[in-house]
Amino acid sequence: MKGSSIFKKNRDIVTRKIENETILVPLYKTSEELDCIYTLNDIAGRIWELIDGKKSMTKIEKILLREYDVTEKKLNAELAGLLKDLKDIKAII
């Protein structure tokens, strides 16, 4: 992941926030095609909120470093893992 990378959400993903979790539901033509519903914890949900097709990953990192008590190294590792997972399920492009 490069700091200048900008991601946007796949429009075929519906998002719902329930309590401290963000639920991602891929849209399909039929219920038989529904493979998974994805649940994001509070921090991953915040990252999901910040992915808007405009903010660079550097900007998102700076926001998260201000909002959470985490080291830059740990944040970069967690963020890279989450972005890989979101790409794998085609939630971001």
PDB file of N, CA and C in Angstrom:
ATOM      1  N   MET A   1       0.844  -1.177   0.000  1.00  0.00           N
ATOM      2  CA  MET A   1       0.000   0.000   0.000  1.00  0.00           C
ATOM      3  C   MET A   1       0.887   1.236   0.000  1.00  0.00           C
ATOM      4  N   LYS A   2       0.637   2.114  -0.929  1.00  0.00           N
ATOM      5  CA  LYS A   2       1.361   3.366  -0.993  1.00  0.00           C
ATOM      6  C   LYS A   2       0.545   4.443  -0.314  1.00  0.00           C
ATOM      7  N   GLY A   3       1.232   5.388   0.323  1.00  0.00           N
ATOM      8  CA  GLY A   3       0.561   6.465   1.025  1.00  0.00           C
ATOM      9  C   GLY A   3      -0.300   7.328   0.136  1.00  0.00           C
ATOM     10  N   SER A   4       0.049   7.385  -1.152  1.00  0.00           N
ATOM     11  CA  SER A   4      -0.720   8.212  -2.078  1.00  0.00           C
ATOM     12  C   SER A   4      -1.930   7.476  -2.656  1.00  0.00           C
ATOM     13  N   SER A   5      -2.061   6.190  -2.339  1.00  0.00           N
ATOM     14  CA  SER A   5      -3.180   5.399  -2.855  1.00  0.00           C
ATOM     15  C   SER A   5      -4.504   5.952  -2.349  1.00  0.00           C
ATOM     16  N   ILE A   6      -5.483   5.958  -3.236  1.00  0.00           N
ATOM     17  CA  ILE A   6      -6.839   6.383  -2.890  1.00  0.00           C
ATOM     18  C   ILE A   6      -7.784   5.269  -3.313  1.00  0.00           C
ATOM     19  N   PHE A   7      -8.588   4.810  -2.369  1.00  0.00           N
ATOM     20  CA  PHE A   7      -9.537   3.736  -2.646  1.00  0.00           C
ATOM     21  C   PHE A   7     -10.952   4.271  -2.551  1.00  0.00           C
ATOM     22  N   LYS A   8     -11.845   3.605  -3.264  1.00  0.00           N
ATOM     23  CA  LYS A   8     -13.260   3.927  -3.113  1.00  0.00           C
ATOM     24  C   LYS A   8     -14.014   2.634  -2.879  1.00  0.00           C
ATOM     25  N   LYS A   9     -15.173   2.782  -2.271  1.00  0.00           N
ATOM     26  CA  LYS A   9     -15.991   1.626  -1.939  1.00  0.00           C
ATOM     27  C   LYS A   9     -16.701   1.103  -3.176  1.00  0.00           C
ATOM     28  N   ASN A  10     -16.823  -0.198  -3.249  1.00  0.00           N
ATOM     29  CA  ASN A  10     -17.588  -0.847  -4.303  1.00  0.00           C
ATOM     30  C   ASN A  10     -19.064  -0.526  -4.055  1.00  0.00           C
ATOM     31  N   ARG A  11     -19.745  -0.044  -5.065  1.00  0.00           N
ATOM     32  CA  ARG A  11     -21.166   0.311  -4.917  1.00  0.00           C
ATOM     33  C   ARG A  11     -22.060  -0.904  -4.733  1.00  0.00           C
ATOM     34  N   ASP A  12     -21.517  -2.095  -4.933  1.00  0.00           N
ATOM     35  CA  ASP A  12     -22.294  -3.317  -4.742  1.00  0.00           C
ATOM     36  C   ASP A  12     -22.179  -3.865  -3.320  1.00  0.00           C
ATOM     37  N   ILE A  13     -21.751  -3.022  -2.395  1.00  0.00           N
ATOM     38  CA  ILE A  13     -21.665  -3.384  -0.983  1.00  0.00           C
ATOM     39  C   ILE A  13     -22.588  -2.464  -0.197  1.00  0.00           C
ATOM     40  N   VAL A  14     -23.488  -3.051   0.566  1.00  0.00           N
ATOM     41  CA  VAL A  14     -24.377  -2.283   1.436  1.00  0.00           C
ATOM     42  C   VAL A  14     -23.765  -2.289   2.832  1.00  0.00           C
ATOM     43  N   THR A  15     -23.804  -1.137   3.484  1.00  0.00           N
ATOM     44  CA  THR A  15     -23.215  -0.992   4.812  1.00  0.00           C
ATOM     45  C   THR A  15     -24.283  -0.648   5.833  1.00  0.00           C
ATOM     46  N   ARG A  16     -24.204  -1.292   6.985  1.00  0.00           N
ATOM     47  CA  ARG A  16     -25.078  -0.974   8.114  1.00  0.00           C
ATOM     48  C   ARG A  16     -24.213  -0.928   9.362  1.00  0.00           C
ATOM     49  N   LYS A  17     -24.454   0.048  10.204  1.00  0.00           N
ATOM     50  CA  LYS A  17     -23.737   0.143  11.477  1.00  0.00           C
ATOM     51  C   LYS A  17     -24.701  -0.264  12.584  1.00  0.00           C
ATOM     52  N   ILE A  18     -24.286  -1.254  13.370  1.00  0.00           N
ATOM     53  CA  ILE A  18     -25.088  -1.753  14.483  1.00  0.00           C
ATOM     54  C   ILE A  18     -24.173  -1.792  15.707  1.00  0.00           C
ATOM     55  N   GLU A  19     -24.543  -0.975  16.716  1.00  0.00           N
ATOM     56  CA  GLU A  19     -23.721  -0.849  17.926  1.00  0.00           C
ATOM     57  C   GLU A  19     -22.324  -0.382  17.494  1.00  0.00           C
ATOM     58  N   ASN A  20     -21.284  -1.140  17.853  1.00  0.00           N
ATOM     59  CA  ASN A  20     -19.905  -0.762  17.499  1.00  0.00           C
ATOM     60  C   ASN A  20     -19.368  -1.555  16.314  1.00  0.00           C
ATOM     61  N   GLU A  21     -20.239  -2.185  15.573  1.00  0.00           N
ATOM     62  CA  GLU A  21     -19.807  -2.980  14.430  1.00  0.00           C
ATOM     63  C   GLU A  21     -20.388  -2.431  13.137  1.00  0.00           C
ATOM     64  N   THR A  22     -19.609  -2.534  12.093  1.00  0.00           N
ATOM     65  CA  THR A  22     -20.061  -2.168  10.755  1.00  0.00           C
ATOM     66  C   THR A  22     -20.243  -3.459   9.975  1.00  0.00           C
ATOM     67  N   ILE A  23     -21.415  -3.623   9.388  1.00  0.00           N
ATOM     68  CA  ILE A  23     -21.745  -4.830   8.630  1.00  0.00           C
ATOM     69  C   ILE A  23     -21.667  -4.499   7.145  1.00  0.00           C
ATOM     70  N   LEU A  24     -20.934  -5.319   6.389  1.00  0.00           N
ATOM     71  CA  LEU A  24     -20.840  -5.175   4.938  1.00  0.00           C
ATOM     72  C   LEU A  24     -21.572  -6.346   4.298  1.00  0.00           C
ATOM     73  N   VAL A  25     -22.516  -6.033   3.432  1.00  0.00           N
ATOM     74  CA  VAL A  25     -23.292  -7.072   2.748  1.00  0.00           C
ATOM     75  C   VAL A  25     -23.158  -6.860   1.246  1.00  0.00           C
ATOM     76  N   PRO A  26     -22.508  -7.805   0.560  1.00  0.00           N
ATOM     77  CA  PRO A  26     -22.431  -7.698  -0.898  1.00  0.00           C
ATOM     78  C   PRO A  26     -23.808  -7.902  -1.522  1.00  0.00           C
ATOM     79  N   LEU A  27     -24.130  -7.122  -2.536  1.00  0.00           N
ATOM     80  CA  LEU A  27     -25.395  -7.264  -3.253  1.00  0.00           C
ATOM     81  C   LEU A  27     -25.239  -8.299  -4.361  1.00  0.00           C
ATOM     82  N   TYR A  28     -26.216  -9.170  -4.449  1.00  0.00           N
ATOM     83  CA  TYR A  28     -26.221 -10.206  -5.471  1.00  0.00           C
ATOM     84  C   TYR A  28     -27.592 -10.255  -6.118  1.00  0.00           C
ATOM     85  N   LYS A  29     -27.662 -10.912  -7.249  1.00  0.00           N
ATOM     86  CA  LYS A  29     -28.927 -11.012  -7.970  1.00  0.00           C
ATOM     87  C   LYS A  29     -29.915 -11.945  -7.277  1.00  0.00           C
ATOM     88  N   THR A  30     -29.403 -13.023  -6.691  1.00  0.00           N
ATOM     89  CA  THR A  30     -30.281 -13.974  -6.010  1.00  0.00           C
ATOM     90  C   THR A  30     -29.700 -14.317  -4.646  1.00  0.00           C
ATOM     91  N   SER A  31     -30.540 -14.790  -3.743  1.00  0.00           N
ATOM     92  CA  SER A  31     -30.069 -15.148  -2.410  1.00  0.00           C
ATOM     93  C   SER A  31     -29.120 -16.344  -2.446  1.00  0.00           C
ATOM     94  N   GLU A  32     -29.209 -17.179  -3.470  1.00  0.00           N
ATOM     95  CA  GLU A  32     -28.304 -18.323  -3.575  1.00  0.00           C
ATOM     96  C   GLU A  32     -26.864 -17.884  -3.820  1.00  0.00           C
ATOM     97  N   GLU A  33     -26.678 -16.665  -4.338  1.00  0.00           N
ATOM     98  CA  GLU A  33     -25.333 -16.165  -4.607  1.00  0.00           C
ATOM     99  C   GLU A  33     -24.679 -15.548  -3.370  1.00  0.00           C
ATOM    100  N   LEU A  34     -25.446 -15.353  -2.307  1.00  0.00           N
ATOM    101  CA  LEU A  34     -24.937 -14.720  -1.109  1.00  0.00           C
ATOM    102  C   LEU A  34     -23.983 -15.667  -0.391  1.00  0.00           C
ATOM    103  N   ASP A  35     -22.705 -15.319  -0.398  1.00  0.00           N
ATOM    104  CA  ASP A  35     -21.686 -16.150   0.236  1.00  0.00           C
ATOM    105  C   ASP A  35     -21.422 -15.729   1.673  1.00  0.00           C
ATOM    106  N   CYS A  36     -21.291 -14.429   1.897  1.00  0.00           N
ATOM    107  CA  CYS A  36     -20.854 -13.968   3.209  1.00  0.00           C
ATOM    108  C   CYS A  36     -21.410 -12.594   3.543  1.00  0.00           C
ATOM    109  N   ILE A  37     -21.481 -12.368   4.822  1.00  0.00           N
ATOM    110  CA  ILE A  37     -21.706 -11.042   5.367  1.00  0.00           C
ATOM    111  C   ILE A  37     -20.468 -10.755   6.204  1.00  0.00           C
ATOM    112  N   TYR A  38     -19.912  -9.573   6.072  1.00  0.00           N
ATOM    113  CA  TYR A  38     -18.657  -9.242   6.734  1.00  0.00           C
ATOM    114  C   TYR A  38     -18.912  -8.258   7.872  1.00  0.00           C
ATOM    115  N   THR A  39     -18.236  -8.484   8.993  1.00  0.00           N
ATOM    116  CA  THR A  39     -18.386  -7.633  10.161  1.00  0.00           C
ATOM    117  C   THR A  39     -17.050  -6.965  10.465  1.00  0.00           C
ATOM    118  N   LEU A  40     -17.086  -5.642  10.619  1.00  0.00           N
ATOM    119  CA  LEU A  40     -15.890  -4.878  10.957  1.00  0.00           C
ATOM    120  C   LEU A  40     -16.007  -4.373  12.386  1.00  0.00           C
ATOM    121  N   ASN A  41     -14.914  -4.468  13.136  1.00  0.00           N
ATOM    122  CA  ASN A  41     -14.938  -3.923  14.488  1.00  0.00           C
ATOM    123  C   ASN A  41     -14.921  -2.395  14.428  1.00  0.00           C
ATOM    124  N   ASP A  42     -14.895  -1.755  15.576  1.00  0.00           N
ATOM    125  CA  ASP A  42     -14.989  -0.300  15.664  1.00  0.00           C
ATOM    126  C   ASP A  42     -13.917   0.406  14.826  1.00  0.00           C
ATOM    127  N   ILE A  43     -12.662   0.005  14.977  1.00  0.00           N
ATOM    128  CA  ILE A  43     -11.574   0.681  14.264  1.00  0.00           C
ATOM    129  C   ILE A  43     -11.648   0.389  12.767  1.00  0.00           C
ATOM    130  N   ALA A  44     -11.878  -0.850  12.398  1.00  0.00           N
ATOM    131  CA  ALA A  44     -12.006  -1.181  10.979  1.00  0.00           C
ATOM    132  C   ALA A  44     -13.197  -0.452  10.368  1.00  0.00           C
ATOM    133  N   GLY A  45     -14.268  -0.317  11.148  1.00  0.00           N
ATOM    134  CA  GLY A  45     -15.437   0.433  10.686  1.00  0.00           C
ATOM    135  C   GLY A  45     -15.101   1.898  10.450  1.00  0.00           C
ATOM    136  N   ARG A  46     -14.268   2.462  11.321  1.00  0.00           N
ATOM    137  CA  ARG A  46     -13.847   3.857  11.146  1.00  0.00           C
ATOM    138  C   ARG A  46     -13.023   3.997   9.876  1.00  0.00           C
ATOM    139  N   ILE A  47     -12.161   3.044   9.618  1.00  0.00           N
ATOM    140  CA  ILE A  47     -11.373   3.073   8.379  1.00  0.00           C
ATOM    141  C   ILE A  47     -12.323   3.004   7.185  1.00  0.00           C
ATOM    142  N   TRP A  48     -13.327   2.139   7.259  1.00  0.00           N
ATOM    143  CA  TRP A  48     -14.328   2.018   6.198  1.00  0.00           C
ATOM    144  C   TRP A  48     -15.013   3.369   5.963  1.00  0.00           C
ATOM    145  N   GLU A  49     -15.360   4.065   7.034  1.00  0.00           N
ATOM    146  CA  GLU A  49     -15.983   5.391   6.911  1.00  0.00           C
ATOM    147  C   GLU A  49     -15.067   6.370   6.184  1.00  0.00           C
ATOM    148  N   LEU A  50     -13.776   6.292   6.472  1.00  0.00           N
ATOM    149  CA  LEU A  50     -12.817   7.251   5.911  1.00  0.00           C
ATOM    150  C   LEU A  50     -12.486   6.980   4.440  1.00  0.00           C
ATOM    151  N   ILE A  51     -12.701   5.757   3.990  1.00  0.00           N
ATOM    152  CA  ILE A  51     -12.457   5.445   2.576  1.00  0.00           C
ATOM    153  C   ILE A  51     -13.595   6.055   1.775  1.00  0.00           C
ATOM    154  N   ASP A  52     -13.276   7.125   1.047  1.00  0.00           N
ATOM    155  CA  ASP A  52     -14.333   7.871   0.351  1.00  0.00           C
ATOM    156  C   ASP A  52     -14.004   8.188  -1.106  1.00  0.00           C
ATOM    157  N   GLY A  53     -12.909   7.626  -1.613  1.00  0.00           N
ATOM    158  CA  GLY A  53     -12.536   7.907  -2.989  1.00  0.00           C
ATOM    159  C   GLY A  53     -11.841   9.249  -3.159  1.00  0.00           C
ATOM    160  N   LYS A  54     -11.605   9.946  -2.039  1.00  0.00           N
ATOM    161  CA  LYS A  54     -10.959  11.257  -2.086  1.00  0.00           C
ATOM    162  C   LYS A  54      -9.722  11.333  -1.208  1.00  0.00           C
ATOM    163  N   LYS A  55      -9.795  10.718  -0.033  1.00  0.00           N
ATOM    164  CA  LYS A  55      -8.679  10.780   0.909  1.00  0.00           C
ATOM    165  C   LYS A  55      -7.607   9.765   0.530  1.00  0.00           C
ATOM    166  N   SER A  56      -6.358  10.222   0.571  1.00  0.00           N
ATOM    167  CA  SER A  56      -5.235   9.306   0.354  1.00  0.00           C
ATOM    168  C   SER A  56      -5.044   8.471   1.617  1.00  0.00           C
ATOM    169  N   MET A  57      -4.336   7.375   1.489  1.00  0.00           N
ATOM    170  CA  MET A  57      -4.067   6.543   2.649  1.00  0.00           C
ATOM    171  C   MET A  57      -3.223   7.313   3.658  1.00  0.00           C
ATOM    172  N   THR A  58      -2.359   8.202   3.221  1.00  0.00           N
ATOM    173  CA  THR A  58      -1.579   9.033   4.132  1.00  0.00           C
ATOM    174  C   THR A  58      -2.503   9.887   4.981  1.00  0.00           C
ATOM    175  N   LYS A  59      -3.500  10.493   4.372  1.00  0.00           N
ATOM    176  CA  LYS A  59      -4.473  11.320   5.098  1.00  0.00           C
ATOM    177  C   LYS A  59      -5.254  10.472   6.093  1.00  0.00           C
ATOM    178  N   ILE A  60      -5.687   9.304   5.687  1.00  0.00           N
ATOM    179  CA  ILE A  60      -6.430   8.404   6.576  1.00  0.00           C
ATOM    180  C   ILE A  60      -5.553   7.993   7.758  1.00  0.00           C
ATOM    181  N   GLU A  61      -4.293   7.669   7.497  1.00  0.00           N
ATOM    182  CA  GLU A  61      -3.369   7.305   8.575  1.00  0.00           C
ATOM    183  C   GLU A  61      -3.233   8.438   9.582  1.00  0.00           C
ATOM    184  N   LYS A  62      -3.087   9.661   9.116  1.00  0.00           N
ATOM    185  CA  LYS A  62      -2.937  10.810  10.016  1.00  0.00           C
ATOM    186  C   LYS A  62      -4.182  10.984  10.888  1.00  0.00           C
ATOM    187  N   ILE A  63      -5.345  10.818  10.296  1.00  0.00           N
ATOM    188  CA  ILE A  63      -6.598  10.922  11.061  1.00  0.00           C
ATOM    189  C   ILE A  63      -6.645   9.851  12.144  1.00  0.00           C
ATOM    190  N   LEU A  64      -6.314   8.629  11.780  1.00  0.00           N
ATOM    191  CA  LEU A  64      -6.371   7.516  12.723  1.00  0.00           C
ATOM    192  C   LEU A  64      -5.344   7.671  13.847  1.00  0.00           C
ATOM    193  N   LEU A  65      -4.164   8.178  13.524  1.00  0.00           N
ATOM    194  CA  LEU A  65      -3.147   8.391  14.554  1.00  0.00           C
ATOM    195  C   LEU A  65      -3.597   9.431  15.573  1.00  0.00           C
ATOM    196  N   ARG A  66      -4.387  10.406  15.130  1.00  0.00           N
ATOM    197  CA  ARG A  66      -4.934  11.402  16.061  1.00  0.00           C
ATOM    198  C   ARG A  66      -6.060  10.813  16.909  1.00  0.00           C
ATOM    199  N   GLU A  67      -6.854   9.931  16.330  1.00  0.00           N
ATOM    200  CA  GLU A  67      -8.050   9.420  17.001  1.00  0.00           C
ATOM    201  C   GLU A  67      -7.804   8.221  17.921  1.00  0.00           C
ATOM    202  N   TYR A  68      -6.771   7.432  17.645  1.00  0.00           N
ATOM    203  CA  TYR A  68      -6.540   6.206  18.395  1.00  0.00           C
ATOM    204  C   TYR A  68      -5.144   6.198  19.004  1.00  0.00           C
ATOM    205  N   ASP A  69      -5.011   5.531  20.124  1.00  0.00           N
ATOM    206  CA  ASP A  69      -3.731   5.387  20.807  1.00  0.00           C
ATOM    207  C   ASP A  69      -3.009   4.176  20.222  1.00  0.00           C
ATOM    208  N   VAL A  70      -2.291   4.410  19.126  1.00  0.00           N
ATOM    209  CA  VAL A  70      -1.608   3.339  18.408  1.00  0.00           C
ATOM    210  C   VAL A  70      -0.322   3.904  17.805  1.00  0.00           C
ATOM    211  N   THR A  71       0.688   3.045  17.691  1.00  0.00           N
ATOM    212  CA  THR A  71       1.924   3.495  17.060  1.00  0.00           C
ATOM    213  C   THR A  71       1.748   3.493  15.542  1.00  0.00           C
ATOM    214  N   GLU A  72       2.546   4.293  14.882  1.00  0.00           N
ATOM    215  CA  GLU A  72       2.460   4.359  13.424  1.00  0.00           C
ATOM    216  C   GLU A  72       2.784   3.011  12.797  1.00  0.00           C
ATOM    217  N   LYS A  73       3.763   2.313  13.349  1.00  0.00           N
ATOM    218  CA  LYS A  73       4.157   0.999  12.818  1.00  0.00           C
ATOM    219  C   LYS A  73       3.005  -0.002  12.922  1.00  0.00           C
ATOM    220  N   LYS A  74       2.374  -0.055  14.111  1.00  0.00           N
ATOM    221  CA  LYS A  74       1.252  -0.989  14.295  1.00  0.00           C
ATOM    222  C   LYS A  74       0.078  -0.603  13.396  1.00  0.00           C
ATOM    223  N   LEU A  75      -0.208   0.690  13.304  1.00  0.00           N
ATOM    224  CA  LEU A  75      -1.299   1.144  12.448  1.00  0.00           C
ATOM    225  C   LEU A  75      -1.051   0.757  10.997  1.00  0.00           C
ATOM    226  N   ASN A  76       0.163   0.973  10.508  1.00  0.00           N
ATOM    227  CA  ASN A  76       0.473   0.634   9.117  1.00  0.00           C
ATOM    228  C   ASN A  76       0.277  -0.849   8.851  1.00  0.00           C
ATOM    229  N   ALA A  77       0.687  -1.695   9.787  1.00  0.00           N
ATOM    230  CA  ALA A  77       0.525  -3.141   9.617  1.00  0.00           C
ATOM    231  C   ALA A  77      -0.953  -3.524   9.607  1.00  0.00           C
ATOM    232  N   GLU A  78      -1.717  -2.983  10.561  1.00  0.00           N
ATOM    233  CA  GLU A  78      -3.149  -3.289  10.638  1.00  0.00           C
ATOM    234  C   GLU A  78      -3.896  -2.769   9.411  1.00  0.00           C
ATOM    235  N   LEU A  79      -3.555  -1.571   9.002  1.00  0.00           N
ATOM    236  CA  LEU A  79      -4.209  -0.959   7.846  1.00  0.00           C
ATOM    237  C   LEU A  79      -3.914  -1.747   6.572  1.00  0.00           C
ATOM    238  N   ALA A  80      -2.669  -2.162   6.401  1.00  0.00           N
ATOM    239  CA  ALA A  80      -2.306  -2.951   5.215  1.00  0.00           C
ATOM    240  C   ALA A  80      -3.087  -4.263   5.183  1.00  0.00           C
ATOM    241  N   GLY A  81      -3.218  -4.918   6.338  1.00  0.00           N
ATOM    242  CA  GLY A  81      -3.967  -6.172   6.405  1.00  0.00           C
ATOM    243  C   GLY A  81      -5.443  -5.979   6.088  1.00  0.00           C
ATOM    244  N   LEU A  82      -6.030  -4.930   6.650  1.00  0.00           N
ATOM    245  CA  LEU A  82      -7.447  -4.657   6.386  1.00  0.00           C
ATOM    246  C   LEU A  82      -7.679  -4.324   4.917  1.00  0.00           C
ATOM    247  N   LEU A  83      -6.818  -3.496   4.346  1.00  0.00           N
ATOM    248  CA  LEU A  83      -6.982  -3.130   2.936  1.00  0.00           C
ATOM    249  C   LEU A  83      -6.862  -4.356   2.031  1.00  0.00           C
ATOM    250  N   LYS A  84      -5.942  -5.258   2.365  1.00  0.00           N
ATOM    251  CA  LYS A  84      -5.813  -6.492   1.586  1.00  0.00           C
ATOM    252  C   LYS A  84      -7.105  -7.294   1.663  1.00  0.00           C
ATOM    253  N   ASP A  85      -7.642  -7.418   2.886  1.00  0.00           N
ATOM    254  CA  ASP A  85      -8.899  -8.168   3.062  1.00  0.00           C
ATOM    255  C   ASP A  85     -10.045  -7.507   2.294  1.00  0.00           C
ATOM    256  N   LEU A  86     -10.152  -6.182   2.372  1.00  0.00           N
ATOM    257  CA  LEU A  86     -11.222  -5.473   1.664  1.00  0.00           C
ATOM    258  C   LEU A  86     -11.084  -5.616   0.147  1.00  0.00           C
ATOM    259  N   LYS A  87      -9.842  -5.629  -0.336  1.00  0.00           N
ATOM    260  CA  LYS A  87      -9.622  -5.849  -1.773  1.00  0.00           C
ATOM    261  C   LYS A  87     -10.001  -7.272  -2.162  1.00  0.00           C
ATOM    262  N   ASP A  88      -9.622  -8.231  -1.323  1.00  0.00           N
ATOM    263  CA  ASP A  88      -9.904  -9.637  -1.607  1.00  0.00           C
ATOM    264  C   ASP A  88     -11.406  -9.907  -1.747  1.00  0.00           C
ATOM    265  N   ILE A  89     -12.217  -9.228  -0.944  1.00  0.00           N
ATOM    266  CA  ILE A  89     -13.670  -9.440  -1.034  1.00  0.00           C
ATOM    267  C   ILE A  89     -14.330  -8.442  -1.991  1.00  0.00           C
ATOM    268  N   LYS A  90     -13.487  -7.669  -2.658  1.00  0.00           N
ATOM    269  CA  LYS A  90     -13.941  -6.678  -3.649  1.00  0.00           C
ATOM    270  C   LYS A  90     -14.825  -5.592  -3.039  1.00  0.00           C
ATOM    271  N   ALA A  91     -14.548  -5.244  -1.776  1.00  0.00           N
ATOM    272  CA  ALA A  91     -15.293  -4.182  -1.110  1.00  0.00           C
ATOM    273  C   ALA A  91     -14.755  -2.806  -1.491  1.00  0.00           C
ATOM    274  N   ILE A  92     -13.467  -2.760  -1.860  1.00  0.00           N
ATOM    275  CA  ILE A  92     -12.861  -1.512  -2.304  1.00  0.00           C
ATOM    276  C   ILE A  92     -12.201  -1.716  -3.660  1.00  0.00           C
ATOM    277  N   ILE A  93     -12.131  -0.620  -4.397  1.00  0.00           N
ATOM    278  CA  ILE A  93     -11.473  -0.671  -5.706  1.00  0.00           C
ATOM    279  C   ILE A  93     -10.540   0.520  -5.834  1.00  0.00           C
TER     280      ILE A  93
END
